[in-house]
Amino acid sequence: MIITVASGKGGTGKTTIATNLAWTISHMQEAEKKSPTWLIDCDVEEPNAALFIHPTFEKEKKVERQLPIINQDQCTGCGVCVDVCEYNALAVAGGKTLFFKELCHACGSCVLNCPEGAIHEISETIGLLQRGSSDLLKFAHGILEIGWSSPTPIIRDLKKWIIPKQPQVNSTYILDASPGTTCPVVESFRGADFALLVTEPTPFGLHDLALVAELIFKEFKIPPGIVINKSGRGDEIIEKFASEKKIPILMRVPLSRDIAEAYARGTLLVDAFPKYKGQFIDLHKKISEMIRERQPKR
């Protein structure tokens, strides 16, 4: 089971839900002698899930990409590489070809298409992957190297490193996606069985919830569910949207100073307020049932 936790905007409590859900499931599965639970922080530009679960890292792996190097003595400035680059990482000026590393997606098209053979590639580290555990919970995250603009390759390599092509029966992977609806979020949803959408009951929260829900409906054939964080005043705007789109509201976490203080201390919600363990167990059951309902009947 692969559950991607996402939100259209930052600050909605996405990581709060992801960390507490993963922590709760890991202890449930251990009690039931099932496969381990993984929490994978895919917000590689600002990974912060580790601040709440305090893992001990056991392995790490560099993420490298092949980047083009241009031999200006061989280059004729023909512009073929510029034409084939989909990301505008190359330009010709004054008869010389210029390379903008920050825009490069390391696709290799320029090397393959250069008629003069003036471009070769070198390896450059673009990020770091780390994996370990915290109590019964397995954990991994990626860290994007400063100066590299595309987090998607880090997320792709992180998933390949942790999630096997054929996951074990009863294994659970909780992916904490980055905010928004851009390429890193799309990569975090790829291969998922369920989209858990965390929002807040504000106009901004509703606007960005609608964006990520549209992404799910258009690009992925997986069931979505909503968690309203900071619930209380304004819930009706989320309820109206959820009713119109037929997305169930699976859980609510109230707007609370005590919860905010626990978050600021880096304390898990289920540790600070044990009553929430039952709610996260119930959330897991609802998600499992929705996934089973979508599976083809034998």
C-alpha atoms as a PDB file:
ATOM      1  CA  MET A   1       0.000   0.000   0.000  1.00  0.00           C
ATOM      2  CA  ILE A   2       1.443   3.345  -1.102  1.00  0.00           C
ATOM      3  CA  ILE A   3      -0.221   6.452   0.322  1.00  0.00           C
ATOM      4  CA  THR A   4       0.883   9.882  -0.880  1.00  0.00           C
ATOM      5  CA  VAL A   5       0.084  12.732   1.500  1.00  0.00           C
ATOM      6  CA  ALA A   6      -0.185  16.038  -0.334  1.00  0.00           C
ATOM      7  CA  SER A   7      -1.505  19.571  -0.112  1.00  0.00           C
ATOM      8  CA  GLY A   8      -1.879  22.350  -2.611  1.00  0.00           C
ATOM      9  CA  LYS A   9      -0.081  24.808  -0.338  1.00  0.00           C
ATOM     10  CA  GLY A  10       2.447  24.815   2.467  1.00  0.00           C
ATOM     11  CA  GLY A  11       1.543  25.168   6.117  1.00  0.00           C
ATOM     12  CA  THR A  12      -1.612  23.045   6.063  1.00  0.00           C
ATOM     13  CA  GLY A  13      -0.240  20.325   8.338  1.00  0.00           C
ATOM     14  CA  LYS A  14       0.648  17.788   5.662  1.00  0.00           C
ATOM     15  CA  THR A  15       3.794  16.591   7.451  1.00  0.00           C
ATOM     16  CA  THR A  16       1.902  16.428  10.750  1.00  0.00           C
ATOM     17  CA  ILE A  17      -0.603  14.019   9.230  1.00  0.00           C
ATOM     18  CA  ALA A  18       2.036  11.989   7.358  1.00  0.00           C
ATOM     19  CA  THR A  19       4.327  11.491  10.360  1.00  0.00           C
ATOM     20  CA  ASN A  20       1.556  10.633  12.816  1.00  0.00           C
ATOM     21  CA  LEU A  21      -0.175   8.267  10.380  1.00  0.00           C
ATOM     22  CA  ALA A  22       3.086   6.451   9.606  1.00  0.00           C
ATOM     23  CA  TRP A  23       4.038   6.222  13.283  1.00  0.00           C
ATOM     24  CA  THR A  24       0.628   4.813  14.206  1.00  0.00           C
ATOM     25  CA  ILE A  25       0.583   2.255  11.383  1.00  0.00           C
ATOM     26  CA  SER A  26       4.110   1.067  12.219  1.00  0.00           C
ATOM     27  CA  HIS A  27       3.051   0.169  15.755  1.00  0.00           C
ATOM     28  CA  MET A  28      -0.185  -1.427  14.544  1.00  0.00           C
ATOM     29  CA  GLN A  29       1.647  -3.605  12.044  1.00  0.00           C
ATOM     30  CA  GLU A  30       4.290  -4.669  14.525  1.00  0.00           C
ATOM     31  CA  ALA A  31       1.558  -5.781  16.906  1.00  0.00           C
ATOM     32  CA  GLU A  32      -0.056  -7.713  14.067  1.00  0.00           C
ATOM     33  CA  LYS A  33       3.336  -9.079  12.863  1.00  0.00           C
ATOM     34  CA  LYS A  34       2.995  -7.492   9.446  1.00  0.00           C
ATOM     35  CA  SER A  35       5.654  -5.945   7.199  1.00  0.00           C
ATOM     36  CA  PRO A  36       7.379  -2.746   8.317  1.00  0.00           C
ATOM     37  CA  THR A  37       5.983   0.699   7.590  1.00  0.00           C
ATOM     38  CA  TRP A  38       8.075   3.253   5.711  1.00  0.00           C
ATOM     39  CA  LEU A  39       7.769   7.035   5.943  1.00  0.00           C
ATOM     40  CA  ILE A  40       9.416   8.620   2.901  1.00  0.00           C
ATOM     41  CA  ASP A  41       9.911  12.394   2.955  1.00  0.00           C
ATOM     42  CA  CYS A  42       9.700  13.457  -0.704  1.00  0.00           C
ATOM     43  CA  ASP A  43       9.846  17.181   0.055  1.00  0.00           C
ATOM     44  CA  VAL A  44      13.541  17.115  -0.832  1.00  0.00           C
ATOM     45  CA  GLU A  45      13.908  20.905  -0.956  1.00  0.00           C
ATOM     46  CA  GLU A  46      12.790  21.283   2.664  1.00  0.00           C
ATOM     47  CA  PRO A  47      12.630  17.847   4.303  1.00  0.00           C
ATOM     48  CA  ASN A  48      11.423  18.199   7.891  1.00  0.00           C
ATOM     49  CA  ALA A  49       9.697  14.913   8.781  1.00  0.00           C
ATOM     50  CA  ALA A  50      12.888  13.786  10.544  1.00  0.00           C
ATOM     51  CA  LEU A  51      12.427  16.612  13.064  1.00  0.00           C
ATOM     52  CA  PHE A  52       9.379  14.785  14.443  1.00  0.00           C
ATOM     53  CA  ILE A  53      10.466  11.158  14.408  1.00  0.00           C
ATOM     54  CA  HIS A  54      14.217  11.592  15.173  1.00  0.00           C
ATOM     55  CA  PRO A  55      15.524   8.678  13.073  1.00  0.00           C
ATOM     56  CA  THR A  56      18.912   7.030  13.306  1.00  0.00           C
ATOM     57  CA  PHE A  57      20.362   6.935   9.791  1.00  0.00           C
ATOM     58  CA  GLU A  58      22.080   3.723   8.767  1.00  0.00           C
ATOM     59  CA  LYS A  59      22.761   4.180   5.049  1.00  0.00           C
ATOM     60  CA  GLU A  60      23.182   7.021   2.616  1.00  0.00           C
ATOM     61  CA  LYS A  61      23.603   7.327  -1.113  1.00  0.00           C
ATOM     62  CA  LYS A  62      24.619  10.181  -3.398  1.00  0.00           C
ATOM     63  CA  VAL A  63      22.400  11.110  -6.317  1.00  0.00           C
ATOM     64  CA  GLU A  64      24.400  11.983  -9.410  1.00  0.00           C
ATOM     65  CA  ARG A  65      23.496  13.183 -12.866  1.00  0.00           C
ATOM     66  CA  GLN A  66      25.479  13.433 -16.093  1.00  0.00           C
ATOM     67  CA  LEU A  67      25.790  17.109 -17.053  1.00  0.00           C
ATOM     68  CA  PRO A  68      27.101  18.431 -20.380  1.00  0.00           C
ATOM     69  CA  ILE A  69      30.509  20.066 -20.798  1.00  0.00           C
ATOM     70  CA  ILE A  70      31.084  22.020 -24.006  1.00  0.00           C
ATOM     71  CA  ASN A  71      34.450  22.041 -25.759  1.00  0.00           C
ATOM     72  CA  GLN A  72      34.453  25.577 -27.129  1.00  0.00           C
ATOM     73  CA  ASP A  73      37.393  24.799 -29.453  1.00  0.00           C
ATOM     74  CA  GLN A  74      35.297  22.147 -31.230  1.00  0.00           C
ATOM     75  CA  CYS A  75      31.971  23.975 -31.008  1.00  0.00           C
ATOM     76  CA  THR A  76      30.923  25.813 -34.183  1.00  0.00           C
ATOM     77  CA  GLY A  77      27.921  27.540 -32.611  1.00  0.00           C
ATOM     78  CA  CYS A  78      25.537  25.781 -34.994  1.00  0.00           C
ATOM     79  CA  GLY A  79      22.734  25.801 -32.403  1.00  0.00           C
ATOM     80  CA  VAL A  80      21.595  22.193 -32.851  1.00  0.00           C
ATOM     81  CA  CYS A  81      21.947  21.573 -29.110  1.00  0.00           C
ATOM     82  CA  VAL A  82      19.873  24.665 -28.397  1.00  0.00           C
ATOM     83  CA  ASP A  83      17.096  23.418 -30.661  1.00  0.00           C
ATOM     84  CA  VAL A  84      16.877  19.984 -29.008  1.00  0.00           C
ATOM     85  CA  CYS A  85      16.994  21.282 -25.421  1.00  0.00           C
ATOM     86  CA  GLU A  86      13.433  21.369 -24.083  1.00  0.00           C
ATOM     87  CA  TYR A  87      14.435  23.305 -20.969  1.00  0.00           C
ATOM     88  CA  ASN A  88      16.325  26.265 -22.482  1.00  0.00           C
ATOM     89  CA  ALA A  89      19.534  25.289 -20.687  1.00  0.00           C
ATOM     90  CA  LEU A  90      21.641  26.145 -23.753  1.00  0.00           C
ATOM     91  CA  ALA A  91      22.021  29.291 -25.836  1.00  0.00           C
ATOM     92  CA  VAL A  92      24.339  30.560 -28.544  1.00  0.00           C
ATOM     93  CA  ALA A  93      25.759  34.077 -28.164  1.00  0.00           C
ATOM     94  CA  GLY A  94      28.697  35.593 -30.004  1.00  0.00           C
ATOM     95  CA  GLY A  95      29.384  32.302 -31.738  1.00  0.00           C
ATOM     96  CA  LYS A  96      29.779  30.453 -28.439  1.00  0.00           C
ATOM     97  CA  THR A  97      27.398  27.996 -26.781  1.00  0.00           C
ATOM     98  CA  LEU A  98      26.448  28.879 -23.221  1.00  0.00           C
ATOM     99  CA  PHE A  99      25.235  26.331 -20.663  1.00  0.00           C
ATOM    100  CA  PHE A 100      22.913  27.163 -17.745  1.00  0.00           C
ATOM    101  CA  LYS A 101      23.242  24.336 -15.230  1.00  0.00           C
ATOM    102  CA  GLU A 102      20.275  25.479 -13.141  1.00  0.00           C
ATOM    103  CA  LEU A 103      17.896  24.760 -16.043  1.00  0.00           C
ATOM    104  CA  CYS A 104      19.383  21.422 -17.117  1.00  0.00           C
ATOM    105  CA  HIS A 105      17.370  18.221 -16.634  1.00  0.00           C
ATOM    106  CA  ALA A 106      20.295  15.964 -17.587  1.00  0.00           C
ATOM    107  CA  CYS A 107      18.414  14.339 -20.479  1.00  0.00           C
ATOM    108  CA  GLY A 108      21.517  13.956 -22.668  1.00  0.00           C
ATOM    109  CA  SER A 109      19.875  15.205 -25.879  1.00  0.00           C
ATOM    110  CA  CYS A 110      22.563  17.800 -26.510  1.00  0.00           C
ATOM    111  CA  VAL A 111      25.330  15.189 -26.347  1.00  0.00           C
ATOM    112  CA  LEU A 112      23.520  12.810 -28.699  1.00  0.00           C
ATOM    113  CA  ASN A 113      22.681  15.483 -31.269  1.00  0.00           C
ATOM    114  CA  CYS A 114      25.846  17.589 -31.411  1.00  0.00           C
ATOM    115  CA  PRO A 115      27.151  17.177 -35.009  1.00  0.00           C
ATOM    116  CA  GLU A 116      30.695  18.150 -34.014  1.00  0.00           C
ATOM    117  CA  GLY A 117      30.993  15.870 -30.988  1.00  0.00           C
ATOM    118  CA  ALA A 118      31.831  18.976 -28.964  1.00  0.00           C
ATOM    119  CA  ILE A 119      29.783  18.010 -25.911  1.00  0.00           C
ATOM    120  CA  HIS A 120      30.640  15.342 -23.366  1.00  0.00           C
ATOM    121  CA  GLU A 121      29.242  14.598 -19.912  1.00  0.00           C
ATOM    122  CA  ILE A 122      30.616  14.572 -16.388  1.00  0.00           C
ATOM    123  CA  SER A 123      29.051  13.330 -13.164  1.00  0.00           C
ATOM    124  CA  GLU A 124      27.905  15.884 -10.633  1.00  0.00           C
ATOM    125  CA  THR A 125      26.296  15.251  -7.249  1.00  0.00           C
ATOM    126  CA  ILE A 126      22.848  16.803  -7.115  1.00  0.00           C
ATOM    127  CA  GLY A 127      21.555  15.382  -3.841  1.00  0.00           C
ATOM    128  CA  LEU A 128      21.775  12.890  -1.018  1.00  0.00           C
ATOM    129  CA  LEU A 129      19.516  10.036   0.087  1.00  0.00           C
ATOM    130  CA  GLN A 130      19.442   8.752   3.675  1.00  0.00           C
ATOM    131  CA  ARG A 131      17.593   5.835   5.244  1.00  0.00           C
ATOM    132  CA  GLY A 132      17.252   4.501   8.767  1.00  0.00           C
ATOM    133  CA  SER A 133      14.644   3.952  11.437  1.00  0.00           C
ATOM    134  CA  SER A 134      12.980   5.376  14.521  1.00  0.00           C
ATOM    135  CA  ASP A 135      11.636   2.780  16.935  1.00  0.00           C
ATOM    136  CA  LEU A 136       9.399   0.557  14.756  1.00  0.00           C
ATOM    137  CA  LEU A 137       9.135   3.004  11.857  1.00  0.00           C
ATOM    138  CA  LYS A 138      11.429   2.831   8.827  1.00  0.00           C
ATOM    139  CA  PHE A 139      12.366   6.236   7.416  1.00  0.00           C
ATOM    140  CA  ALA A 140      14.033   7.725   4.346  1.00  0.00           C
ATOM    141  CA  HIS A 141      14.387  11.161   2.848  1.00  0.00           C
ATOM    142  CA  GLY A 142      16.188  13.014   0.083  1.00  0.00           C
ATOM    143  CA  ILE A 143      18.095  16.283   0.258  1.00  0.00           C
ATOM    144  CA  LEU A 144      18.507  18.452  -2.839  1.00  0.00           C
ATOM    145  CA  GLU A 145      21.979  19.920  -3.290  1.00  0.00           C
ATOM    146  CA  ILE A 146      22.130  23.719  -3.096  1.00  0.00           C
ATOM    147  CA  GLY A 147      22.243  25.236  -6.567  1.00  0.00           C
ATOM    148  CA  TRP A 148      20.312  22.436  -8.277  1.00  0.00           C
ATOM    149  CA  SER A 149      16.857  23.533  -9.374  1.00  0.00           C
ATOM    150  CA  SER A 150      15.046  20.266 -10.143  1.00  0.00           C
ATOM    151  CA  PRO A 151      14.060  18.063  -7.178  1.00  0.00           C
ATOM    152  CA  THR A 152      12.298  15.468  -9.347  1.00  0.00           C
ATOM    153  CA  PRO A 153      15.374  13.257 -10.019  1.00  0.00           C
ATOM    154  CA  ILE A 154      16.027  13.079  -6.250  1.00  0.00           C
ATOM    155  CA  ILE A 155      12.458  11.943  -5.571  1.00  0.00           C
ATOM    156  CA  ARG A 156      12.599   9.389  -8.387  1.00  0.00           C
ATOM    157  CA  ASP A 157      15.841   7.876  -7.079  1.00  0.00           C
ATOM    158  CA  LEU A 158      14.556   7.945  -3.489  1.00  0.00           C
ATOM    159  CA  LYS A 159      11.470   5.925  -4.435  1.00  0.00           C
ATOM    160  CA  LYS A 160      13.522   3.413  -6.434  1.00  0.00           C
ATOM    161  CA  TRP A 161      15.907   3.009  -3.490  1.00  0.00           C
ATOM    162  CA  ILE A 162      13.139   2.243  -0.966  1.00  0.00           C
ATOM    163  CA  ILE A 163      10.093   0.867  -2.789  1.00  0.00           C
ATOM    164  CA  PRO A 164      10.620  -2.439  -4.626  1.00  0.00           C
ATOM    165  CA  LYS A 165       8.944  -3.048  -7.972  1.00  0.00           C
ATOM    166  CA  GLN A 166       6.756  -5.624  -6.261  1.00  0.00           C
ATOM    167  CA  PRO A 167       6.216  -4.456  -2.656  1.00  0.00           C
ATOM    168  CA  GLN A 168       5.680  -7.058   0.038  1.00  0.00           C
ATOM    169  CA  VAL A 169       2.143  -7.995   0.922  1.00  0.00           C
ATOM    170  CA  ASN A 170       0.922  -5.787   3.807  1.00  0.00           C
ATOM    171  CA  SER A 171       3.869  -3.403   3.436  1.00  0.00           C
ATOM    172  CA  THR A 172       2.952   0.273   3.782  1.00  0.00           C
ATOM    173  CA  TYR A 173       4.724   3.320   2.356  1.00  0.00           C
ATOM    174  CA  ILE A 174       3.674   6.821   3.394  1.00  0.00           C
ATOM    175  CA  LEU A 175       5.047   9.460   1.017  1.00  0.00           C
ATOM    176  CA  ASP A 176       5.128  13.035   2.307  1.00  0.00           C
ATOM    177  CA  ALA A 177       5.002  15.090  -0.899  1.00  0.00           C
ATOM    178  CA  SER A 178       6.124  18.677  -1.325  1.00  0.00           C
ATOM    179  CA  PRO A 179       3.458  21.416  -1.419  1.00  0.00           C
ATOM    180  CA  GLY A 180       1.932  22.488  -4.718  1.00  0.00           C
ATOM    181  CA  THR A 181       1.021  20.670  -7.927  1.00  0.00           C
ATOM    182  CA  THR A 182       4.246  20.783  -9.945  1.00  0.00           C
ATOM    183  CA  CYS A 183       6.574  18.020 -11.193  1.00  0.00           C
ATOM    184  CA  PRO A 184       7.871  16.942  -7.735  1.00  0.00           C
ATOM    185  CA  VAL A 185       4.293  16.337  -6.562  1.00  0.00           C
ATOM    186  CA  VAL A 186       3.450  14.434  -9.741  1.00  0.00           C
ATOM    187  CA  GLU A 187       6.473  12.178  -9.159  1.00  0.00           C
ATOM    188  CA  SER A 188       5.386  11.604  -5.550  1.00  0.00           C
ATOM    189  CA  PHE A 189       1.944  10.479  -6.762  1.00  0.00           C
ATOM    190  CA  ARG A 190       3.306   8.194  -9.474  1.00  0.00           C
ATOM    191  CA  GLY A 191       2.658   4.582  -8.468  1.00  0.00           C
ATOM    192  CA  ALA A 192       0.574   5.509  -5.399  1.00  0.00           C
ATOM    193  CA  ASP A 193      -2.589   3.668  -4.367  1.00  0.00           C
ATOM    194  CA  PHE A 194      -4.201   6.558  -2.498  1.00  0.00           C
ATOM    195  CA  ALA A 195      -4.077  10.365  -2.331  1.00  0.00           C
ATOM    196  CA  LEU A 196      -4.528  11.813   1.146  1.00  0.00           C
ATOM    197  CA  LEU A 197      -5.160  15.538   0.688  1.00  0.00           C
ATOM    198  CA  VAL A 198      -4.553  17.766   3.704  1.00  0.00           C
ATOM    199  CA  THR A 199      -6.161  21.185   3.725  1.00  0.00           C
ATOM    200  CA  GLU A 200      -7.184  24.018   6.022  1.00  0.00           C
ATOM    201  CA  PRO A 201     -10.635  25.669   6.053  1.00  0.00           C
ATOM    202  CA  THR A 202      -9.585  28.967   4.462  1.00  0.00           C
ATOM    203  CA  PRO A 203     -10.123  30.426   0.966  1.00  0.00           C
ATOM    204  CA  PHE A 204      -6.433  29.837   0.178  1.00  0.00           C
ATOM    205  CA  GLY A 205      -6.670  26.276   1.483  1.00  0.00           C
ATOM    206  CA  LEU A 206      -9.748  25.612  -0.647  1.00  0.00           C
ATOM    207  CA  HIS A 207      -8.173  27.124  -3.769  1.00  0.00           C
ATOM    208  CA  ASP A 208      -5.064  24.965  -3.567  1.00  0.00           C
ATOM    209  CA  LEU A 209      -7.012  21.864  -2.502  1.00  0.00           C
ATOM    210  CA  ALA A 210      -8.999  22.252  -5.724  1.00  0.00           C
ATOM    211  CA  LEU A 211      -5.773  22.378  -7.741  1.00  0.00           C
ATOM    212  CA  VAL A 212      -4.308  19.198  -6.277  1.00  0.00           C
ATOM    213  CA  ALA A 213      -7.681  17.417  -6.528  1.00  0.00           C
ATOM    214  CA  GLU A 214      -7.856  18.339 -10.215  1.00  0.00           C
ATOM    215  CA  LEU A 215      -4.376  16.859 -10.669  1.00  0.00           C
ATOM    216  CA  ILE A 216      -5.534  13.594  -9.093  1.00  0.00           C
ATOM    217  CA  PHE A 217      -8.680  13.352 -11.213  1.00  0.00           C
ATOM    218  CA  LYS A 218      -6.927  14.190 -14.499  1.00  0.00           C
ATOM    219  CA  GLU A 219      -3.627  12.355 -14.181  1.00  0.00           C
ATOM    220  CA  PHE A 220      -4.088   9.518 -11.680  1.00  0.00           C
ATOM    221  CA  LYS A 221      -6.723   6.837 -11.254  1.00  0.00           C
ATOM    222  CA  ILE A 222      -6.473   6.583  -7.474  1.00  0.00           C
ATOM    223  CA  PRO A 223      -9.028   7.322  -4.751  1.00  0.00           C
ATOM    224  CA  PRO A 224      -8.619  10.583  -2.810  1.00  0.00           C
ATOM    225  CA  GLY A 225      -9.624  11.493   0.726  1.00  0.00           C
ATOM    226  CA  ILE A 226      -9.451  14.761   2.668  1.00  0.00           C
ATOM    227  CA  VAL A 227      -8.119  15.647   6.106  1.00  0.00           C
ATOM    228  CA  ILE A 228      -9.153  19.060   7.420  1.00  0.00           C
ATOM    229  CA  ASN A 229      -6.449  20.467   9.676  1.00  0.00           C
ATOM    230  CA  LYS A 230      -7.057  23.539  11.868  1.00  0.00           C
ATOM    231  CA  SER A 231     -10.697  22.509  11.738  1.00  0.00           C
ATOM    232  CA  GLY A 232     -13.364  24.697  13.309  1.00  0.00           C
ATOM    233  CA  ARG A 233     -14.484  27.942  11.758  1.00  0.00           C
ATOM    234  CA  GLY A 234     -14.807  27.768   7.977  1.00  0.00           C
ATOM    235  CA  ASP A 235     -15.152  23.999   7.558  1.00  0.00           C
ATOM    236  CA  GLU A 236     -18.277  24.497   5.467  1.00  0.00           C
ATOM    237  CA  ILE A 237     -16.310  25.722   2.426  1.00  0.00           C
ATOM    238  CA  ILE A 238     -14.272  22.491   2.399  1.00  0.00           C
ATOM    239  CA  GLU A 239     -17.384  20.389   3.066  1.00  0.00           C
ATOM    240  CA  LYS A 240     -19.171  21.978   0.100  1.00  0.00           C
ATOM    241  CA  PHE A 241     -16.229  21.295  -2.217  1.00  0.00           C
ATOM    242  CA  ALA A 242     -15.842  17.719  -0.941  1.00  0.00           C
ATOM    243  CA  SER A 243     -19.545  17.057  -1.492  1.00  0.00           C
ATOM    244  CA  GLU A 244     -19.469  18.450  -5.040  1.00  0.00           C
ATOM    245  CA  LYS A 245     -16.379  16.416  -5.981  1.00  0.00           C
ATOM    246  CA  LYS A 246     -17.508  13.313  -4.057  1.00  0.00           C
ATOM    247  CA  ILE A 247     -14.304  13.209  -1.996  1.00  0.00           C
ATOM    248  CA  PRO A 248     -14.834  11.886   1.541  1.00  0.00           C
ATOM    249  CA  ILE A 249     -13.605  13.847   4.543  1.00  0.00           C
ATOM    250  CA  LEU A 250     -11.768  11.193   6.532  1.00  0.00           C
ATOM    251  CA  MET A 251     -10.485  13.123   9.549  1.00  0.00           C
ATOM    252  CA  ARG A 252     -10.469  16.531  11.225  1.00  0.00           C
ATOM    253  CA  VAL A 253      -7.792  17.997  13.489  1.00  0.00           C
ATOM    254  CA  PRO A 254      -9.029  21.070  15.384  1.00  0.00           C
ATOM    255  CA  LEU A 255      -7.418  24.487  15.431  1.00  0.00           C
ATOM    256  CA  SER A 256      -5.714  24.376  18.822  1.00  0.00           C
ATOM    257  CA  ARG A 257      -2.963  26.306  20.568  1.00  0.00           C
ATOM    258  CA  ASP A 258      -1.931  23.138  22.412  1.00  0.00           C
ATOM    259  CA  ILE A 259      -1.475  21.291  19.122  1.00  0.00           C
ATOM    260  CA  ALA A 260       0.507  24.205  17.676  1.00  0.00           C
ATOM    261  CA  GLU A 261       2.806  24.233  20.714  1.00  0.00           C
ATOM    262  CA  ALA A 262       3.406  20.484  20.428  1.00  0.00           C
ATOM    263  CA  TYR A 263       4.235  20.939  16.753  1.00  0.00           C
ATOM    264  CA  ALA A 264       6.677  23.749  17.579  1.00  0.00           C
ATOM    265  CA  ARG A 265       8.452  21.429  20.034  1.00  0.00           C
ATOM    266  CA  GLY A 266       8.744  18.734  17.340  1.00  0.00           C
ATOM    267  CA  THR A 267       6.431  16.390  19.268  1.00  0.00           C
ATOM    268  CA  LEU A 268       4.195  13.922  17.476  1.00  0.00           C
ATOM    269  CA  LEU A 269       0.498  14.542  17.928  1.00  0.00           C
ATOM    270  CA  VAL A 270      -0.087  10.942  19.048  1.00  0.00           C
ATOM    271  CA  ASP A 271       2.557  11.336  21.770  1.00  0.00           C
ATOM    272  CA  ALA A 272       1.369  14.710  23.016  1.00  0.00           C
ATOM    273  CA  PHE A 273      -2.308  13.717  22.898  1.00  0.00           C
ATOM    274  CA  PRO A 274      -2.738   9.896  22.992  1.00  0.00           C
ATOM    275  CA  LYS A 275      -6.450  10.199  22.166  1.00  0.00           C
ATOM    276  CA  TYR A 276      -5.444  10.836  18.545  1.00  0.00           C
ATOM    277  CA  LYS A 277      -3.983   7.322  18.176  1.00  0.00           C
ATOM    278  CA  GLY A 278      -7.494   5.962  17.767  1.00  0.00           C
ATOM    279  CA  GLN A 279      -8.297   8.595  15.144  1.00  0.00           C
ATOM    280  CA  PHE A 280      -5.220   7.731  13.078  1.00  0.00           C
ATOM    281  CA  ILE A 281      -6.028   4.020  13.379  1.00  0.00           C
ATOM    282  CA  ASP A 282      -9.496   4.834  12.077  1.00  0.00           C
ATOM    283  CA  LEU A 283      -7.986   6.936   9.264  1.00  0.00           C
ATOM    284  CA  HIS A 284      -5.814   3.992   8.224  1.00  0.00           C
ATOM    285  CA  LYS A 285      -8.828   1.657   8.193  1.00  0.00           C
ATOM    286  CA  LYS A 286     -10.837   4.047   6.005  1.00  0.00           C
ATOM    287  CA  ILE A 287      -7.966   4.393   3.524  1.00  0.00           C
ATOM    288  CA  SER A 288      -7.479   0.609   3.387  1.00  0.00           C
ATOM    289  CA  GLU A 289     -11.177   0.079   2.695  1.00  0.00           C
ATOM    290  CA  MET A 290     -11.215   2.678  -0.102  1.00  0.00           C
ATOM    291  CA  ILE A 291      -8.190   1.054  -1.745  1.00  0.00           C
ATOM    292  CA  ARG A 292      -9.782  -2.402  -1.527  1.00  0.00           C
ATOM    293  CA  GLU A 293     -13.003  -1.089  -3.090  1.00  0.00           C
ATOM    294  CA  ARG A 294     -11.045   0.130  -6.130  1.00  0.00           C
ATOM    295  CA  GLN A 295      -9.219  -3.167  -6.629  1.00  0.00           C
ATOM    296  CA  PRO A 296     -10.662  -5.469  -9.313  1.00  0.00           C
ATOM    297  CA  LYS A 297     -12.710  -8.310  -7.877  1.00  0.00           C
ATOM    298  CA  ARG A 298     -11.459 -11.814  -8.596  1.00  0.00           C
END
